[in-house]
PDB file of N, CA and C in Angstrom:
ATOM      1  N   MET A   1      48.346 -64.144  10.369  1.00  0.00           N
ATOM      2  CA  MET A   1      49.524 -64.809  10.844  1.00  0.00           C
ATOM      3  C   MET A   1      49.390 -65.084  12.332  1.00  0.00           C
ATOM      4  N   ILE A   2      49.929 -66.210  12.758  1.00  0.00           N
ATOM      5  CA  ILE A   2      49.797 -66.561  14.150  1.00  0.00           C
ATOM      6  C   ILE A   2      51.128 -66.639  14.913  1.00  0.00           C
ATOM      7  N   PHE A   3      52.233 -66.443  14.220  1.00  0.00           N
ATOM      8  CA  PHE A   3      53.523 -66.612  14.851  1.00  0.00           C
ATOM      9  C   PHE A   3      54.044 -65.262  15.406  1.00  0.00           C
ATOM     10  N   ASP A   4      54.666 -65.319  16.577  1.00  0.00           N
ATOM     11  CA  ASP A   4      55.288 -64.144  17.163  1.00  0.00           C
ATOM     12  C   ASP A   4      56.587 -63.805  16.483  1.00  0.00           C
ATOM     13  N   HIS A   5      57.351 -64.846  16.168  1.00  0.00           N
ATOM     14  CA  HIS A   5      58.639 -64.674  15.502  1.00  0.00           C
ATOM     15  C   HIS A   5      58.782 -65.830  14.485  1.00  0.00           C
ATOM     16  N   MET A   6      59.578 -65.552  13.423  1.00  0.00           N
ATOM     17  CA  MET A   6      59.855 -66.596  12.447  1.00  0.00           C
ATOM     18  C   MET A   6      61.329 -66.430  12.039  1.00  0.00           C
ATOM     19  N   THR A   7      61.955 -67.567  11.775  1.00  0.00           N
ATOM     20  CA  THR A   7      63.340 -67.572  11.278  1.00  0.00           C
ATOM     21  C   THR A   7      63.404 -68.628  10.151  1.00  0.00           C
ATOM     22  N   ILE A   8      64.101 -68.249   9.114  1.00  0.00           N
ATOM     23  CA  ILE A   8      64.328 -69.184   7.990  1.00  0.00           C
ATOM     24  C   ILE A   8      65.803 -69.484   7.892  1.00  0.00           C
ATOM     25  N   VAL A   9      66.153 -70.719   7.622  1.00  0.00           N
ATOM     26  CA  VAL A   9      67.530 -71.135   7.454  1.00  0.00           C
ATOM     27  C   VAL A   9      67.729 -71.444   5.965  1.00  0.00           C
ATOM     28  N   VAL A  10      68.731 -70.818   5.382  1.00  0.00           N
ATOM     29  CA  VAL A  10      68.992 -71.007   3.908  1.00  0.00           C
ATOM     30  C   VAL A  10      70.448 -71.325   3.674  1.00  0.00           C
ATOM     31  N   GLY A  11      70.752 -71.888   2.548  1.00  0.00           N
ATOM     32  CA  GLY A  11      72.121 -72.119   2.121  1.00  0.00           C
ATOM     33  C   GLY A  11      72.775 -70.867   1.591  1.00  0.00           C
ATOM     34  N   ASP A  12      74.046 -70.972   1.319  1.00  0.00           N
ATOM     35  CA  ASP A  12      74.847 -69.828   0.861  1.00  0.00           C
ATOM     36  C   ASP A  12      74.260 -69.100  -0.329  1.00  0.00           C
ATOM     37  N   ARG A  13      73.741 -69.873  -1.273  1.00  0.00           N
ATOM     38  CA  ARG A  13      73.231 -69.255  -2.509  1.00  0.00           C
ATOM     39  C   ARG A  13      72.001 -68.379  -2.298  1.00  0.00           C
ATOM     40  N   HIS A  14      71.275 -68.620  -1.216  1.00  0.00           N
ATOM     41  CA  HIS A  14      69.964 -67.923  -1.077  1.00  0.00           C
ATOM     42  C   HIS A  14      69.971 -66.908   0.075  1.00  0.00           C
ATOM     43  N   ALA A  15      71.069 -66.749   0.777  1.00  0.00           N
ATOM     44  CA  ALA A  15      71.117 -65.888   1.958  1.00  0.00           C
ATOM     45  C   ALA A  15      70.691 -64.430   1.651  1.00  0.00           C
ATOM     46  N   ASN A  16      71.064 -63.921   0.516  1.00  0.00           N
ATOM     47  CA  ASN A  16      70.712 -62.508   0.204  1.00  0.00           C
ATOM     48  C   ASN A  16      69.398 -62.428  -0.526  1.00  0.00           C
ATOM     49  N   SER A  17      69.114 -63.344  -1.431  1.00  0.00           N
ATOM     50  CA  SER A  17      67.887 -63.239  -2.262  1.00  0.00           C
ATOM     51  C   SER A  17      66.619 -63.539  -1.457  1.00  0.00           C
ATOM     52  N   VAL A  18      66.702 -64.352  -0.415  1.00  0.00           N
ATOM     53  CA  VAL A  18      65.537 -64.731   0.331  1.00  0.00           C
ATOM     54  C   VAL A  18      64.892 -63.554   1.048  1.00  0.00           C
ATOM     55  N   GLN A  19      65.695 -62.545   1.374  1.00  0.00           N
ATOM     56  CA  GLN A  19      65.148 -61.433   2.132  1.00  0.00           C
ATOM     57  C   GLN A  19      64.108 -60.638   1.337  1.00  0.00           C
ATOM     58  N   ALA A  20      64.160 -60.679   0.031  1.00  0.00           N
ATOM     59  CA  ALA A  20      63.170 -60.025  -0.763  1.00  0.00           C
ATOM     60  C   ALA A  20      61.855 -60.796  -0.790  1.00  0.00           C
ATOM     61  N   LEU A  21      61.891 -62.062  -0.375  1.00  0.00           N
ATOM     62  CA  LEU A  21      60.715 -62.940  -0.469  1.00  0.00           C
ATOM     63  C   LEU A  21      59.969 -63.115   0.846  1.00  0.00           C
ATOM     64  N   ILE A  22      60.589 -62.736   1.941  1.00  0.00           N
ATOM     65  CA  ILE A  22      59.971 -62.975   3.269  1.00  0.00           C
ATOM     66  C   ILE A  22      59.565 -61.656   3.902  1.00  0.00           C
ATOM     67  N   PRO A  23      58.621 -61.714   4.876  1.00  0.00           N
ATOM     68  CA  PRO A  23      58.247 -60.483   5.588  1.00  0.00           C
ATOM     69  C   PRO A  23      59.420 -59.887   6.317  1.00  0.00           C
ATOM     70  N   GLU A  24      59.413 -58.614   6.529  1.00  0.00           N
ATOM     71  CA  GLU A  24      60.479 -57.843   7.140  1.00  0.00           C
ATOM     72  C   GLU A  24      60.811 -58.318   8.560  1.00  0.00           C
ATOM     73  N   TRP A  25      59.815 -58.861   9.247  1.00  0.00           N
ATOM     74  CA  TRP A  25      60.010 -59.262  10.665  1.00  0.00           C
ATOM     75  C   TRP A  25      60.678 -60.632  10.835  1.00  0.00           C
ATOM     76  N   TRP A  26      60.846 -61.379   9.730  1.00  0.00           N
ATOM     77  CA  TRP A  26      61.470 -62.715   9.799  1.00  0.00           C
ATOM     78  C   TRP A  26      62.963 -62.568  10.007  1.00  0.00           C
ATOM     79  N   GLY A  27      63.566 -63.517  10.698  1.00  0.00           N
ATOM     80  CA  GLY A  27      64.995 -63.612  10.828  1.00  0.00           C
ATOM     81  C   GLY A  27      65.555 -64.556   9.774  1.00  0.00           C
ATOM     82  N   VAL A  28      66.852 -64.424   9.514  1.00  0.00           N
ATOM     83  CA  VAL A  28      67.505 -65.265   8.502  1.00  0.00           C
ATOM     84  C   VAL A  28      68.827 -65.811   9.057  1.00  0.00           C
ATOM     85  N   TYR A  29      68.999 -67.125   8.953  1.00  0.00           N
ATOM     86  CA  TYR A  29      70.252 -67.805   9.270  1.00  0.00           C
ATOM     87  C   TYR A  29      70.796 -68.399   7.998  1.00  0.00           C
ATOM     88  N   GLN A  30      72.111 -68.387   7.833  1.00  0.00           N
ATOM     89  CA  GLN A  30      72.762 -68.952   6.693  1.00  0.00           C
ATOM     90  C   GLN A  30      73.500 -70.193   7.140  1.00  0.00           C
ATOM     91  N   ALA A  31      73.209 -71.342   6.467  1.00  0.00           N
ATOM     92  CA  ALA A  31      73.899 -72.614   6.749  1.00  0.00           C
ATOM     93  C   ALA A  31      75.056 -72.797   5.782  1.00  0.00           C
ATOM     94  N   THR A  32      76.211 -73.019   6.352  1.00  0.00           N
ATOM     95  CA  THR A  32      77.410 -73.239   5.517  1.00  0.00           C
ATOM     96  C   THR A  32      78.003 -74.604   5.878  1.00  0.00           C
ATOM     97  N   TRP A  33      78.294 -75.402   4.870  1.00  0.00           N
ATOM     98  CA  TRP A  33      78.880 -76.726   5.078  1.00  0.00           C
ATOM     99  C   TRP A  33      80.351 -76.584   5.267  1.00  0.00           C
ATOM    100  N   ASN A  34      80.919 -77.357   6.206  1.00  0.00           N
ATOM    101  CA  ASN A  34      82.345 -77.279   6.469  1.00  0.00           C
ATOM    102  C   ASN A  34      83.155 -78.400   5.801  1.00  0.00           C
ATOM    103  N   GLY A  35      82.493 -79.224   4.983  1.00  0.00           N
ATOM    104  CA  GLY A  35      83.178 -80.271   4.302  1.00  0.00           C
ATOM    105  C   GLY A  35      83.090 -81.615   5.009  1.00  0.00           C
ATOM    106  N   ARG A  36      82.638 -81.652   6.231  1.00  0.00           N
ATOM    107  CA  ARG A  36      82.507 -82.907   6.975  1.00  0.00           C
ATOM    108  C   ARG A  36      81.039 -83.261   7.248  1.00  0.00           C
ATOM    109  N   ARG A  37      80.181 -82.785   6.398  1.00  0.00           N
ATOM    110  CA  ARG A  37      78.724 -83.037   6.542  1.00  0.00           C
ATOM    111  C   ARG A  37      78.189 -82.369   7.814  1.00  0.00           C
ATOM    112  N   VAL A  38      78.826 -81.332   8.245  1.00  0.00           N
ATOM    113  CA  VAL A  38      78.384 -80.584   9.382  1.00  0.00           C
ATOM    114  C   VAL A  38      78.147 -79.137   8.967  1.00  0.00           C
ATOM    115  N   ALA A  39      77.043 -78.582   9.276  1.00  0.00           N
ATOM    116  CA  ALA A  39      76.746 -77.202   8.893  1.00  0.00           C
ATOM    117  C   ALA A  39      76.990 -76.243  10.082  1.00  0.00           C
ATOM    118  N   SER A  40      77.463 -75.105   9.768  1.00  0.00           N
ATOM    119  CA  SER A  40      77.534 -74.059  10.779  1.00  0.00           C
ATOM    120  C   SER A  40      76.505 -73.013  10.422  1.00  0.00           C
ATOM    121  N   LEU A  41      75.863 -72.434  11.391  1.00  0.00           N
ATOM    122  CA  LEU A  41      74.838 -71.434  11.185  1.00  0.00           C
ATOM    123  C   LEU A  41      75.366 -70.054  11.558  1.00  0.00           C
ATOM    124  N   THR A  42      75.100 -69.105  10.688  1.00  0.00           N
ATOM    125  CA  THR A  42      75.457 -67.741  10.918  1.00  0.00           C
ATOM    126  C   THR A  42      74.201 -66.885  10.818  1.00  0.00           C
ATOM    127  N   ARG A  43      73.960 -66.040  11.822  1.00  0.00           N
ATOM    128  CA  ARG A  43      72.805 -65.175  11.764  1.00  0.00           C
ATOM    129  C   ARG A  43      73.043 -64.010  10.807  1.00  0.00           C
ATOM    130  N   VAL A  44      72.198 -63.939   9.780  1.00  0.00           N
ATOM    131  CA  VAL A  44      72.298 -62.855   8.798  1.00  0.00           C
ATOM    132  C   VAL A  44      71.462 -61.716   9.246  1.00  0.00           C
ATOM    133  N   LYS A  45      70.296 -62.010   9.821  1.00  0.00           N
ATOM    134  CA  LYS A  45      69.353 -61.011  10.245  1.00  0.00           C
ATOM    135  C   LYS A  45      68.519 -61.539  11.437  1.00  0.00           C
ATOM    136  N   PRO A  46      68.501 -60.807  12.566  1.00  0.00           N
ATOM    137  CA  PRO A  46      67.697 -61.315  13.694  1.00  0.00           C
ATOM    138  C   PRO A  46      66.222 -61.153  13.427  1.00  0.00           C
ATOM    139  N   PRO A  47      65.385 -62.037  14.006  1.00  0.00           N
ATOM    140  CA  PRO A  47      63.942 -61.868  13.850  1.00  0.00           C
ATOM    141  C   PRO A  47      63.437 -60.713  14.705  1.00  0.00           C
ATOM    142  N   LYS A  48      62.318 -60.142  14.291  1.00  0.00           N
ATOM    143  CA  LYS A  48      61.656 -59.106  15.056  1.00  0.00           C
ATOM    144  C   LYS A  48      60.299 -59.618  15.449  1.00  0.00           C
ATOM    145  N   GLU A  49      59.667 -58.919  16.339  1.00  0.00           N
ATOM    146  CA  GLU A  49      58.320 -59.310  16.828  1.00  0.00           C
ATOM    147  C   GLU A  49      57.306 -59.071  15.683  1.00  0.00           C
ATOM    148  N   ASN A  50      56.463 -60.031  15.428  1.00  0.00           N
ATOM    149  CA  ASN A  50      55.381 -59.867  14.474  1.00  0.00           C
ATOM    150  C   ASN A  50      54.283 -59.029  15.131  1.00  0.00           C
ATOM    151  N   GLU A  51      54.055 -57.902  14.616  1.00  0.00           N
ATOM    152  CA  GLU A  51      53.050 -56.987  15.193  1.00  0.00           C
ATOM    153  C   GLU A  51      51.669 -57.186  14.541  1.00  0.00           C
ATOM    154  N   ASN A  52      51.551 -58.182  13.677  1.00  0.00           N
ATOM    155  CA  ASN A  52      50.255 -58.421  12.982  1.00  0.00           C
ATOM    156  C   ASN A  52      49.681 -59.772  13.293  1.00  0.00           C
ATOM    157  N   VAL A  53      49.862 -60.272  14.515  1.00  0.00           N
ATOM    158  CA  VAL A  53      49.273 -61.564  14.876  1.00  0.00           C
ATOM    159  C   VAL A  53      47.752 -61.406  14.846  1.00  0.00           C
ATOM    160  N   ASN A  54      47.102 -62.337  14.216  1.00  0.00           N
ATOM    161  CA  ASN A  54      45.637 -62.324  14.040  1.00  0.00           C
ATOM    162  C   ASN A  54      45.006 -63.174  15.142  1.00  0.00           C
ATOM    163  N   ALA A  55      44.246 -62.530  16.036  1.00  0.00           N
ATOM    164  CA  ALA A  55      43.644 -63.228  17.153  1.00  0.00           C
ATOM    165  C   ALA A  55      42.645 -64.332  16.695  1.00  0.00           C
ATOM    166  N   LEU A  56      41.888 -64.062  15.665  1.00  0.00           N
ATOM    167  CA  LEU A  56      40.946 -65.083  15.184  1.00  0.00           C
ATOM    168  C   LEU A  56      41.655 -66.320  14.638  1.00  0.00           C
ATOM    169  N   MET A  57      42.748 -66.090  13.915  1.00  0.00           N
ATOM    170  CA  MET A  57      43.495 -67.219  13.370  1.00  0.00           C
ATOM    171  C   MET A  57      44.161 -68.004  14.520  1.00  0.00           C
ATOM    172  N   LEU A  58      44.592 -67.313  15.507  1.00  0.00           N
ATOM    173  CA  LEU A  58      45.198 -67.969  16.676  1.00  0.00           C
ATOM    174  C   LEU A  58      44.181 -68.834  17.415  1.00  0.00           C
ATOM    175  N   LEU A  59      42.973 -68.325  17.561  1.00  0.00           N
ATOM    176  CA  LEU A  59      41.908 -69.070  18.239  1.00  0.00           C
ATOM    177  C   LEU A  59      41.462 -70.306  17.459  1.00  0.00           C
ATOM    178  N   ARG A  60      41.681 -70.294  16.163  1.00  0.00           N
ATOM    179  CA  ARG A  60      41.296 -71.463  15.334  1.00  0.00           C
ATOM    180  C   ARG A  60      42.180 -72.675  15.664  1.00  0.00           C
ATOM    181  N   LEU A  61      43.271 -72.490  16.362  1.00  0.00           N
ATOM    182  CA  LEU A  61      44.097 -73.604  16.805  1.00  0.00           C
ATOM    183  C   LEU A  61      43.436 -74.417  17.907  1.00  0.00           C
ATOM    184  N   LEU A  62      42.436 -73.822  18.531  1.00  0.00           N
ATOM    185  CA  LEU A  62      41.778 -74.470  19.673  1.00  0.00           C
ATOM    186  C   LEU A  62      40.521 -75.230  19.275  1.00  0.00           C
ATOM    187  N   ARG A  63      40.169 -76.201  20.085  1.00  0.00           N
ATOM    188  CA  ARG A  63      38.875 -76.868  19.965  1.00  0.00           C
ATOM    189  C   ARG A  63      37.824 -75.974  20.596  1.00  0.00           C
ATOM    190  N   SER A  64      36.592 -76.164  20.201  1.00  0.00           N
ATOM    191  CA  SER A  64      35.552 -75.289  20.690  1.00  0.00           C
ATOM    192  C   SER A  64      35.412 -75.350  22.220  1.00  0.00           C
ATOM    193  N   VAL A  65      35.637 -76.539  22.787  1.00  0.00           N
ATOM    194  CA  VAL A  65      35.549 -76.671  24.271  1.00  0.00           C
ATOM    195  C   VAL A  65      36.630 -75.837  24.940  1.00  0.00           C
ATOM    196  N   GLU A  66      37.796 -75.708  24.305  1.00  0.00           N
ATOM    197  CA  GLU A  66      38.871 -74.892  24.861  1.00  0.00           C
ATOM    198  C   GLU A  66      38.524 -73.414  24.759  1.00  0.00           C
ATOM    199  N   VAL A  67      37.884 -72.993  23.692  1.00  0.00           N
ATOM    200  CA  VAL A  67      37.447 -71.609  23.524  1.00  0.00           C
ATOM    201  C   VAL A  67      36.343 -71.296  24.567  1.00  0.00           C
ATOM    202  N   VAL A  68      35.432 -72.239  24.715  1.00  0.00           N
ATOM    203  CA  VAL A  68      34.364 -72.057  25.762  1.00  0.00           C
ATOM    204  C   VAL A  68      35.009 -71.907  27.134  1.00  0.00           C
ATOM    205  N   ASN A  69      36.033 -72.668  27.415  1.00  0.00           N
ATOM    206  CA  ASN A  69      36.699 -72.553  28.744  1.00  0.00           C
ATOM    207  C   ASN A  69      37.315 -71.149  28.940  1.00  0.00           C
ATOM    208  N   ILE A  70      37.820 -70.546  27.897  1.00  0.00           N
ATOM    209  CA  ILE A  70      38.363 -69.194  28.009  1.00  0.00           C
ATOM    210  C   ILE A  70      37.247 -68.255  28.436  1.00  0.00           C
ATOM    211  N   LEU A  71      36.063 -68.411  27.813  1.00  0.00           N
ATOM    212  CA  LEU A  71      34.912 -67.534  28.148  1.00  0.00           C
ATOM    213  C   LEU A  71      34.386 -67.850  29.542  1.00  0.00           C
ATOM    214  N   LYS A  72      34.346 -69.117  29.917  1.00  0.00           N
ATOM    215  CA  LYS A  72      33.863 -69.505  31.247  1.00  0.00           C
ATOM    216  C   LYS A  72      34.686 -68.903  32.358  1.00  0.00           C
ATOM    217  N   THR A  73      36.007 -68.879  32.163  1.00  0.00           N
ATOM    218  CA  THR A  73      36.880 -68.291  33.198  1.00  0.00           C
ATOM    219  C   THR A  73      36.679 -66.806  33.358  1.00  0.00           C
ATOM    220  N   ARG A  74      35.937 -66.221  32.436  1.00  0.00           N
ATOM    221  CA  ARG A  74      35.628 -64.807  32.506  1.00  0.00           C
ATOM    222  C   ARG A  74      34.163 -64.568  32.833  1.00  0.00           C
ATOM    223  N   GLY A  75      33.498 -65.614  33.325  1.00  0.00           N
ATOM    224  CA  GLY A  75      32.114 -65.495  33.763  1.00  0.00           C
ATOM    225  C   GLY A  75      31.077 -65.528  32.681  1.00  0.00           C
ATOM    226  N   LEU A  76      31.420 -66.018  31.519  1.00  0.00           N
ATOM    227  CA  LEU A  76      30.459 -66.039  30.399  1.00  0.00           C
ATOM    228  C   LEU A  76      30.144 -67.514  30.026  1.00  0.00           C
ATOM    229  N   GLY A  77      29.504 -68.240  30.877  1.00  0.00           N
ATOM    230  CA  GLY A  77      29.234 -69.630  30.640  1.00  0.00           C
ATOM    231  C   GLY A  77      27.838 -69.986  30.113  1.00  0.00           C
ATOM    232  N   GLU A  78      26.989 -68.999  29.986  1.00  0.00           N
ATOM    233  CA  GLU A  78      25.611 -69.262  29.602  1.00  0.00           C
ATOM    234  C   GLU A  78      25.465 -69.555  28.103  1.00  0.00           C
ATOM    235  N   ARG A  79      24.918 -70.682  27.742  1.00  0.00           N
ATOM    236  CA  ARG A  79      24.513 -71.056  26.373  1.00  0.00           C
ATOM    237  C   ARG A  79      25.646 -70.988  25.338  1.00  0.00           C
ATOM    238  N   LEU A  80      26.840 -71.140  25.762  1.00  0.00           N
ATOM    239  CA  LEU A  80      27.944 -71.025  24.818  1.00  0.00           C
ATOM    240  C   LEU A  80      28.033 -72.242  23.890  1.00  0.00           C
ATOM    241  N   ARG A  81      27.589 -73.378  24.353  1.00  0.00           N
ATOM    242  CA  ARG A  81      27.656 -74.595  23.559  1.00  0.00           C
ATOM    243  C   ARG A  81      26.771 -74.519  22.301  1.00  0.00           C
ATOM    244  N   MET A  82      25.808 -73.593  22.311  1.00  0.00           N
ATOM    245  CA  MET A  82      24.904 -73.461  21.178  1.00  0.00           C
ATOM    246  C   MET A  82      25.515 -72.626  20.046  1.00  0.00           C
ATOM    247  N   LEU A  83      26.604 -71.906  20.355  1.00  0.00           N
ATOM    248  CA  LEU A  83      27.223 -71.047  19.351  1.00  0.00           C
ATOM    249  C   LEU A  83      28.138 -71.836  18.430  1.00  0.00           C
ATOM    250  N   LYS A  84      28.305 -71.351  17.252  1.00  0.00           N
ATOM    251  CA  LYS A  84      29.212 -71.972  16.254  1.00  0.00           C
ATOM    252  C   LYS A  84      30.647 -71.527  16.592  1.00  0.00           C
ATOM    253  N   CYS A  85      31.606 -72.311  16.086  1.00  0.00           N
ATOM    254  CA  CYS A  85      33.020 -72.010  16.370  1.00  0.00           C
ATOM    255  C   CYS A  85      33.418 -70.554  16.059  1.00  0.00           C
ATOM    256  N   TYR A  86      33.038 -70.070  14.883  1.00  0.00           N
ATOM    257  CA  TYR A  86      33.429 -68.735  14.503  1.00  0.00           C
ATOM    258  C   TYR A  86      32.782 -67.673  15.407  1.00  0.00           C
ATOM    259  N   GLU A  87      31.581 -67.985  15.953  1.00  0.00           N
ATOM    260  CA  GLU A  87      30.948 -67.063  16.848  1.00  0.00           C
ATOM    261  C   GLU A  87      31.653 -67.008  18.205  1.00  0.00           C
ATOM    262  N   LEU A  88      32.089 -68.183  18.661  1.00  0.00           N
ATOM    263  CA  LEU A  88      32.869 -68.259  19.901  1.00  0.00           C
ATOM    264  C   LEU A  88      34.193 -67.528  19.755  1.00  0.00           C
ATOM    265  N   ASP A  89      34.882 -67.762  18.629  1.00  0.00           N
ATOM    266  CA  ASP A  89      36.150 -67.108  18.379  1.00  0.00           C
ATOM    267  C   ASP A  89      35.974 -65.576  18.339  1.00  0.00           C
ATOM    268  N   SER A  90      34.953 -65.128  17.676  1.00  0.00           N
ATOM    269  CA  SER A  90      34.703 -63.690  17.584  1.00  0.00           C
ATOM    270  C   SER A  90      34.412 -63.056  18.935  1.00  0.00           C
ATOM    271  N   MET A  91      33.665 -63.836  19.770  1.00  0.00           N
ATOM    272  CA  MET A  91      33.358 -63.361  21.122  1.00  0.00           C
ATOM    273  C   MET A  91      34.618 -63.189  21.907  1.00  0.00           C
ATOM    274  N   VAL A  92      35.483 -64.219  21.906  1.00  0.00           N
ATOM    275  CA  VAL A  92      36.765 -64.132  22.623  1.00  0.00           C
ATOM    276  C   VAL A  92      37.604 -62.983  22.131  1.00  0.00           C
ATOM    277  N   ALA A  93      37.738 -62.827  20.806  1.00  0.00           N
ATOM    278  CA  ALA A  93      38.577 -61.825  20.225  1.00  0.00           C
ATOM    279  C   ALA A  93      38.084 -60.398  20.583  1.00  0.00           C
ATOM    280  N   SER A  94      36.768 -60.254  20.804  1.00  0.00           N
ATOM    281  CA  SER A  94      36.266 -58.946  21.119  1.00  0.00           C
ATOM    282  C   SER A  94      36.359 -58.630  22.630  1.00  0.00           C
ATOM    283  N   LEU A  95      36.450 -59.681  23.452  1.00  0.00           N
ATOM    284  CA  LEU A  95      36.453 -59.490  24.900  1.00  0.00           C
ATOM    285  C   LEU A  95      37.810 -59.627  25.593  1.00  0.00           C
ATOM    286  N   VAL A  96      38.741 -60.288  24.898  1.00  0.00           N
ATOM    287  CA  VAL A  96      40.021 -60.627  25.525  1.00  0.00           C
ATOM    288  C   VAL A  96      41.171 -59.994  24.742  1.00  0.00           C
ATOM    289  N   SER A  97      42.141 -59.483  25.438  1.00  0.00           N
ATOM    290  CA  SER A  97      43.279 -58.850  24.778  1.00  0.00           C
ATOM    291  C   SER A  97      44.092 -59.888  23.997  1.00  0.00           C
ATOM    292  N   LEU A  98      44.798 -59.440  22.997  1.00  0.00           N
ATOM    293  CA  LEU A  98      45.638 -60.344  22.181  1.00  0.00           C
ATOM    294  C   LEU A  98      46.665 -61.032  23.050  1.00  0.00           C
ATOM    295  N   ARG A  99      47.231 -60.282  23.983  1.00  0.00           N
ATOM    296  CA  ARG A  99      48.242 -60.859  24.886  1.00  0.00           C
ATOM    297  C   ARG A  99      47.662 -61.994  25.676  1.00  0.00           C
ATOM    298  N   GLU A 100      46.440 -61.847  26.189  1.00  0.00           N
ATOM    299  CA  GLU A 100      45.793 -62.923  26.942  1.00  0.00           C
ATOM    300  C   GLU A 100      45.401 -64.094  26.057  1.00  0.00           C
ATOM    301  N   ILE A 101      44.954 -63.800  24.814  1.00  0.00           N
ATOM    302  CA  ILE A 101      44.626 -64.869  23.890  1.00  0.00           C
ATOM    303  C   ILE A 101      45.845 -65.693  23.577  1.00  0.00           C
ATOM    304  N   LYS A 102      46.994 -65.070  23.365  1.00  0.00           N
ATOM    305  CA  LYS A 102      48.235 -65.780  23.124  1.00  0.00           C
ATOM    306  C   LYS A 102      48.547 -66.700  24.295  1.00  0.00           C
ATOM    307  N   ARG A 103      48.402 -66.172  25.498  1.00  0.00           N
ATOM    308  CA  ARG A 103      48.706 -66.943  26.730  1.00  0.00           C
ATOM    309  C   ARG A 103      47.736 -68.124  26.857  1.00  0.00           C
ATOM    310  N   GLU A 104      46.474 -67.908  26.624  1.00  0.00           N
ATOM    311  CA  GLU A 104      45.466 -68.925  26.729  1.00  0.00           C
ATOM    312  C   GLU A 104      45.635 -70.043  25.687  1.00  0.00           C
ATOM    313  N   VAL A 105      45.977 -69.656  24.467  1.00  0.00           N
ATOM    314  CA  VAL A 105      46.193 -70.643  23.411  1.00  0.00           C
ATOM    315  C   VAL A 105      47.422 -71.497  23.709  1.00  0.00           C
ATOM    316  N   ARG A 106      48.496 -70.832  24.119  1.00  0.00           N
ATOM    317  CA  ARG A 106      49.722 -71.615  24.479  1.00  0.00           C
ATOM    318  C   ARG A 106      49.390 -72.594  25.603  1.00  0.00           C
ATOM    319  N   LEU A 107      48.707 -72.138  26.623  1.00  0.00           N
ATOM    320  CA  LEU A 107      48.376 -72.959  27.764  1.00  0.00           C
ATOM    321  C   LEU A 107      47.501 -74.169  27.351  1.00  0.00           C
ATOM    322  N   ALA A 108      46.489 -73.906  26.527  1.00  0.00           N
ATOM    323  CA  ALA A 108      45.594 -74.995  26.062  1.00  0.00           C
ATOM    324  C   ALA A 108      46.346 -76.008  25.227  1.00  0.00           C
ATOM    325  N   LEU A 109      47.229 -75.547  24.364  1.00  0.00           N
ATOM    326  CA  LEU A 109      47.960 -76.487  23.502  1.00  0.00           C
ATOM    327  C   LEU A 109      48.940 -77.343  24.331  1.00  0.00           C
ATOM    328  N   LYS A 110      49.572 -76.686  25.321  1.00  0.00           N
ATOM    329  CA  LYS A 110      50.509 -77.432  26.155  1.00  0.00           C
ATOM    330  C   LYS A 110      49.815 -78.467  27.013  1.00  0.00           C
ATOM    331  N   ASN A 111      48.594 -78.175  27.427  1.00  0.00           N
ATOM    332  CA  ASN A 111      47.823 -79.071  28.291  1.00  0.00           C
ATOM    333  C   ASN A 111      47.008 -80.115  27.546  1.00  0.00           C
ATOM    334  N   ARG A 112      46.886 -79.944  26.219  1.00  0.00           N
ATOM    335  CA  ARG A 112      46.053 -80.865  25.448  1.00  0.00           C
ATOM    336  C   ARG A 112      46.658 -82.295  25.489  1.00  0.00           C
ATOM    337  N   GLU A 113      45.805 -83.231  25.798  1.00  0.00           N
ATOM    338  CA  GLU A 113      46.272 -84.624  25.918  1.00  0.00           C
ATOM    339  C   GLU A 113      46.035 -85.488  24.680  1.00  0.00           C
ATOM    340  N   HIS A 114      44.887 -85.357  24.056  1.00  0.00           N
ATOM    341  CA  HIS A 114      44.529 -86.228  22.942  1.00  0.00           C
ATOM    342  C   HIS A 114      44.575 -85.422  21.634  1.00  0.00           C
ATOM    343  N   TRP A 115      45.688 -85.580  20.958  1.00  0.00           N
ATOM    344  CA  TRP A 115      45.877 -84.858  19.679  1.00  0.00           C
ATOM    345  C   TRP A 115      45.437 -85.749  18.550  1.00  0.00           C
ATOM    346  N   ARG A 116      44.453 -85.312  17.794  1.00  0.00           N
ATOM    347  CA  ARG A 116      44.027 -86.056  16.576  1.00  0.00           C
ATOM    348  C   ARG A 116      43.740 -85.029  15.513  1.00  0.00           C
ATOM    349  N   VAL A 117      44.214 -85.304  14.328  1.00  0.00           N
ATOM    350  CA  VAL A 117      44.021 -84.387  13.193  1.00  0.00           C
ATOM    351  C   VAL A 117      42.529 -84.189  12.887  1.00  0.00           C
ATOM    352  N   ASP A 118      41.721 -85.245  12.967  1.00  0.00           N
ATOM    353  CA  ASP A 118      40.338 -85.177  12.555  1.00  0.00           C
ATOM    354  C   ASP A 118      39.442 -84.601  13.620  1.00  0.00           C
ATOM    355  N   SER A 119      39.944 -84.191  14.763  1.00  0.00           N
ATOM    356  CA  SER A 119      39.068 -83.671  15.835  1.00  0.00           C
ATOM    357  C   SER A 119      39.328 -82.192  16.099  1.00  0.00           C
ATOM    358  N   GLN A 120      39.917 -81.496  15.133  1.00  0.00           N
ATOM    359  CA  GLN A 120      40.199 -80.085  15.319  1.00  0.00           C
ATOM    360  C   GLN A 120      38.953 -79.239  15.383  1.00  0.00           C
ATOM    361  N   HIS A 121      38.884 -78.371  16.375  1.00  0.00           N
ATOM    362  CA  HIS A 121      37.854 -77.321  16.500  1.00  0.00           C
ATOM    363  C   HIS A 121      36.439 -77.866  16.342  1.00  0.00           C
ATOM    364  N   THR A 122      36.121 -78.958  16.986  1.00  0.00           N
ATOM    365  CA  THR A 122      34.774 -79.505  16.908  1.00  0.00           C
ATOM    366  C   THR A 122      34.117 -79.485  18.246  1.00  0.00           C
TER     367      THR A 122
END
């Protein structure tokens, strides 16, 4: 899992039953219609921090050049372009804390200029 927090919004009929289907750390909001095509949201359960964020899955959001940059900023720039994506990801996961990986991934995604579906992690 790569999300720090998750919240699901459900209608009246599912507010109680959905909790058996989702992880314990997810939050739940209940949407209730007021008759004017406007919904009001009521928090049924607040979200908790996901303590099982997977660093390797998080790194898969990045392009290989972005993963290489994480390693370069830590003085590891030698021959990195020759490594496969999974090798780069494993190297970062073993050398960098999860907190730092989260920060680096967020920063890279925010700064990314050219978003294309077919150019992921190449």
